[in-house]
N, C-alpha and C. Protein backbone atom coordinates (compact mmCIF):
# COMPACT_ATOMS: atom_id res chain seq x y z
N MET A 1 0.85 -1.17 0.00
CA MET A 1 0.00 0.00 0.00
C MET A 1 0.89 1.24 0.00
N ASP A 2 0.53 2.24 -0.77
CA ASP A 2 1.31 3.46 -0.85
C ASP A 2 1.18 4.28 0.43
N GLU A 3 2.26 4.96 0.78
CA GLU A 3 2.28 5.86 1.92
C GLU A 3 1.39 7.07 1.62
N PRO A 4 0.55 7.52 2.57
CA PRO A 4 -0.25 8.72 2.34
C PRO A 4 0.68 9.92 2.11
N ARG A 5 0.21 10.87 1.32
CA ARG A 5 1.01 12.05 1.02
C ARG A 5 0.35 13.29 1.59
N LEU A 6 1.15 14.25 2.00
CA LEU A 6 0.61 15.49 2.53
C LEU A 6 -0.06 16.28 1.43
N PHE A 7 -1.17 16.90 1.77
CA PHE A 7 -1.90 17.74 0.82
C PHE A 7 -0.99 18.82 0.25
N LYS A 8 -0.19 19.43 1.11
CA LYS A 8 0.74 20.47 0.68
C LYS A 8 1.65 19.96 -0.44
N ALA A 9 2.15 18.75 -0.31
CA ALA A 9 3.05 18.18 -1.31
C ALA A 9 2.32 17.92 -2.63
N ILE A 10 1.10 17.40 -2.54
CA ILE A 10 0.33 17.13 -3.75
C ILE A 10 -0.01 18.42 -4.48
N LEU A 11 -0.43 19.44 -3.73
CA LEU A 11 -0.78 20.72 -4.33
C LEU A 11 0.43 21.37 -4.98
N ALA A 12 1.53 21.44 -4.27
CA ALA A 12 2.74 22.05 -4.81
C ALA A 12 3.23 21.30 -6.05
N GLU A 13 3.19 19.99 -5.99
CA GLU A 13 3.62 19.15 -7.11
C GLU A 13 2.77 19.40 -8.36
N ALA A 14 1.47 19.48 -8.18
CA ALA A 14 0.56 19.71 -9.31
C ALA A 14 0.80 21.08 -9.94
N VAL A 15 1.00 22.09 -9.10
CA VAL A 15 1.24 23.43 -9.62
C VAL A 15 2.59 23.50 -10.33
N GLU A 16 3.63 22.95 -9.71
CA GLU A 16 4.97 22.98 -10.29
C GLU A 16 5.05 22.20 -11.60
N ALA A 17 4.32 21.10 -11.68
CA ALA A 17 4.34 20.28 -12.88
C ALA A 17 3.42 20.85 -13.97
N SER A 18 2.82 21.99 -13.67
CA SER A 18 1.92 22.66 -14.61
C SER A 18 0.72 21.81 -15.01
N GLU A 19 0.40 20.84 -14.18
CA GLU A 19 -0.81 20.06 -14.43
C GLU A 19 -2.02 20.96 -14.25
N ILE A 20 -1.91 21.89 -13.33
CA ILE A 20 -2.97 22.85 -13.07
C ILE A 20 -2.32 24.09 -12.48
N SER A 21 -2.76 25.24 -12.91
CA SER A 21 -2.19 26.48 -12.41
C SER A 21 -2.96 26.97 -11.19
N VAL A 22 -2.32 27.84 -10.43
CA VAL A 22 -2.99 28.44 -9.28
C VAL A 22 -4.23 29.20 -9.76
N ASP A 23 -4.11 29.89 -10.89
CA ASP A 23 -5.26 30.63 -11.44
C ASP A 23 -6.43 29.70 -11.75
N LYS A 24 -6.12 28.53 -12.27
CA LYS A 24 -7.17 27.56 -12.58
C LYS A 24 -7.83 27.04 -11.30
N ILE A 25 -7.03 26.83 -10.27
CA ILE A 25 -7.57 26.39 -8.98
C ILE A 25 -8.48 27.48 -8.41
N ILE A 26 -8.04 28.72 -8.49
CA ILE A 26 -8.84 29.84 -8.01
C ILE A 26 -10.17 29.90 -8.75
N GLY A 27 -10.12 29.80 -10.07
CA GLY A 27 -11.33 29.86 -10.89
C GLY A 27 -12.30 28.73 -10.60
N ALA A 28 -11.76 27.55 -10.35
CA ALA A 28 -12.62 26.38 -10.13
C ALA A 28 -13.16 26.30 -8.70
N THR A 29 -12.46 26.92 -7.75
CA THR A 29 -12.86 26.76 -6.35
C THR A 29 -13.36 28.03 -5.68
N GLY A 30 -12.91 29.17 -6.17
CA GLY A 30 -13.22 30.43 -5.51
C GLY A 30 -12.37 30.69 -4.28
N VAL A 31 -11.38 29.83 -4.05
CA VAL A 31 -10.48 30.00 -2.90
C VAL A 31 -9.52 31.14 -3.24
N PRO A 32 -9.39 32.12 -2.35
CA PRO A 32 -8.47 33.23 -2.61
C PRO A 32 -7.02 32.76 -2.79
N GLU A 33 -6.32 33.45 -3.68
CA GLU A 33 -4.93 33.08 -3.99
C GLU A 33 -4.06 33.04 -2.74
N ARG A 34 -4.24 33.98 -1.83
CA ARG A 34 -3.38 34.03 -0.64
C ARG A 34 -3.49 32.76 0.19
N PHE A 35 -4.67 32.12 0.21
CA PHE A 35 -4.83 30.89 0.98
C PHE A 35 -4.25 29.69 0.23
N ILE A 36 -4.38 29.69 -1.08
CA ILE A 36 -3.76 28.61 -1.87
C ILE A 36 -2.25 28.68 -1.73
N MET A 37 -1.70 29.88 -1.81
CA MET A 37 -0.25 30.03 -1.67
C MET A 37 0.21 29.67 -0.25
N ALA A 38 -0.59 29.99 0.76
CA ALA A 38 -0.25 29.62 2.13
C ALA A 38 -0.18 28.10 2.27
N LEU A 39 -1.09 27.39 1.62
CA LEU A 39 -1.07 25.93 1.65
C LEU A 39 0.14 25.37 0.92
N ILE A 40 0.44 25.92 -0.25
CA ILE A 40 1.59 25.45 -1.03
C ILE A 40 2.89 25.68 -0.27
N GLU A 41 3.01 26.85 0.35
CA GLU A 41 4.26 27.23 1.00
C GLU A 41 4.36 26.76 2.45
N GLY A 42 3.27 26.21 2.97
CA GLY A 42 3.29 25.75 4.36
C GLY A 42 3.18 26.87 5.38
N ASN A 43 2.67 28.01 4.97
CA ASN A 43 2.48 29.16 5.86
C ASN A 43 1.09 29.10 6.49
N TYR A 44 0.89 28.13 7.34
CA TYR A 44 -0.44 27.85 7.87
C TYR A 44 -0.97 28.95 8.79
N GLN A 45 -0.10 29.78 9.32
CA GLN A 45 -0.55 30.86 10.19
C GLN A 45 -1.38 31.89 9.42
N PHE A 46 -1.30 31.87 8.09
CA PHE A 46 -2.05 32.82 7.28
C PHE A 46 -3.40 32.27 6.81
N LEU A 47 -3.73 31.06 7.21
CA LEU A 47 -5.00 30.46 6.81
C LEU A 47 -6.12 30.96 7.71
N PRO A 48 -7.36 30.93 7.18
CA PRO A 48 -8.50 31.36 8.00
C PRO A 48 -8.86 30.31 9.04
N ALA A 49 -9.95 30.53 9.74
CA ALA A 49 -10.41 29.59 10.76
C ALA A 49 -10.55 28.18 10.20
N ALA A 50 -10.42 27.20 11.07
CA ALA A 50 -10.40 25.79 10.68
C ALA A 50 -11.55 25.36 9.77
N PRO A 51 -12.80 25.75 10.04
CA PRO A 51 -13.87 25.30 9.14
C PRO A 51 -13.68 25.79 7.70
N TYR A 52 -13.18 27.01 7.54
CA TYR A 52 -12.93 27.53 6.19
C TYR A 52 -11.78 26.79 5.54
N THR A 53 -10.71 26.59 6.30
CA THR A 53 -9.55 25.88 5.76
C THR A 53 -9.93 24.48 5.32
N LYS A 54 -10.70 23.79 6.12
CA LYS A 54 -11.13 22.43 5.77
C LYS A 54 -11.95 22.45 4.48
N GLY A 55 -12.86 23.41 4.36
CA GLY A 55 -13.66 23.54 3.14
C GLY A 55 -12.80 23.85 1.92
N TYR A 56 -11.82 24.73 2.10
CA TYR A 56 -10.92 25.06 0.99
C TYR A 56 -10.14 23.84 0.56
N ILE A 57 -9.65 23.09 1.51
CA ILE A 57 -8.88 21.89 1.18
C ILE A 57 -9.74 20.90 0.41
N LYS A 58 -11.00 20.73 0.83
CA LYS A 58 -11.90 19.81 0.11
C LYS A 58 -12.15 20.28 -1.32
N LYS A 59 -12.36 21.59 -1.50
CA LYS A 59 -12.58 22.13 -2.85
C LYS A 59 -11.34 21.91 -3.73
N ILE A 60 -10.19 22.25 -3.20
CA ILE A 60 -8.94 22.11 -3.96
C ILE A 60 -8.68 20.65 -4.29
N ALA A 61 -8.91 19.78 -3.33
CA ALA A 61 -8.71 18.34 -3.55
C ALA A 61 -9.61 17.85 -4.68
N GLY A 62 -10.83 18.35 -4.73
CA GLY A 62 -11.75 17.96 -5.81
C GLY A 62 -11.22 18.36 -7.18
N VAL A 63 -10.65 19.55 -7.27
CA VAL A 63 -10.07 20.01 -8.54
C VAL A 63 -8.88 19.15 -8.93
N LEU A 64 -8.10 18.73 -7.94
CA LEU A 64 -6.92 17.91 -8.21
C LEU A 64 -7.26 16.44 -8.40
N GLY A 65 -8.51 16.08 -8.11
CA GLY A 65 -8.94 14.69 -8.30
C GLY A 65 -8.46 13.74 -7.22
N VAL A 66 -8.29 14.25 -6.01
CA VAL A 66 -7.89 13.41 -4.88
C VAL A 66 -8.92 13.54 -3.77
N LYS A 67 -8.91 12.56 -2.87
CA LYS A 67 -9.89 12.54 -1.78
C LYS A 67 -9.23 12.96 -0.47
N PRO A 68 -9.73 14.04 0.15
CA PRO A 68 -9.14 14.45 1.42
C PRO A 68 -9.51 13.47 2.53
N ALA A 69 -8.55 13.20 3.39
CA ALA A 69 -8.81 12.31 4.53
C ALA A 69 -8.04 12.82 5.73
N GLY A 70 -8.66 12.87 6.86
CA GLY A 70 -7.98 13.23 8.09
C GLY A 70 -7.79 14.71 8.33
N VAL A 71 -8.44 15.56 7.55
CA VAL A 71 -8.30 16.99 7.78
C VAL A 71 -9.23 17.37 8.92
N LYS A 72 -8.67 17.69 10.07
CA LYS A 72 -9.49 17.93 11.25
C LYS A 72 -9.52 19.39 11.69
N SER A 73 -8.44 20.09 11.56
CA SER A 73 -8.42 21.49 11.96
C SER A 73 -7.23 22.19 11.36
N LYS A 74 -7.27 23.52 11.43
CA LYS A 74 -6.17 24.31 10.88
C LYS A 74 -4.85 23.92 11.53
N SER A 75 -4.86 23.63 12.81
CA SER A 75 -3.61 23.30 13.50
C SER A 75 -3.01 21.98 13.02
N LEU A 76 -3.83 21.14 12.38
CA LEU A 76 -3.35 19.85 11.90
C LEU A 76 -3.03 19.84 10.41
N VAL A 77 -3.23 20.97 9.75
CA VAL A 77 -3.03 21.00 8.30
C VAL A 77 -1.67 20.48 7.91
N GLY A 78 -0.63 20.81 8.65
CA GLY A 78 0.71 20.38 8.29
C GLY A 78 1.01 18.94 8.59
N THR A 79 0.22 18.32 9.45
CA THR A 79 0.54 16.97 9.85
C THR A 79 -0.54 15.96 9.53
N ALA A 80 -1.77 16.38 9.40
CA ALA A 80 -2.87 15.41 9.24
C ALA A 80 -3.67 15.63 7.97
N ASP A 81 -3.12 16.34 7.02
CA ASP A 81 -3.90 16.60 5.81
C ASP A 81 -3.52 15.62 4.69
N TYR A 82 -3.57 14.36 5.02
CA TYR A 82 -3.24 13.33 4.05
C TYR A 82 -4.36 13.13 3.05
N LEU A 83 -3.98 12.77 1.87
CA LEU A 83 -4.94 12.50 0.80
C LEU A 83 -4.67 11.13 0.23
N SER A 84 -5.70 10.49 -0.20
CA SER A 84 -5.53 9.23 -0.89
C SER A 84 -6.04 9.41 -2.31
N PRO A 85 -5.43 8.72 -3.28
CA PRO A 85 -5.86 8.90 -4.68
C PRO A 85 -7.27 8.43 -4.90
């Protein structure tokens, strides 16, 4: 079984590989660029309250075609935001 991957890594990888641009993610999700960049860069202190962050992660995951699992709160984004394909 494959090791779960951090959402941050999947998002950054997709953007860097030009599979999807930040602008495309913004257009498809309505998530503000500053929050997408905070997720990519691991600057979690700039994210909004946990319910918003969790919703943003679910929207972004949908655009990337992955299923979010274990996202419980903003404080866990760096450690518990694993996704499975």
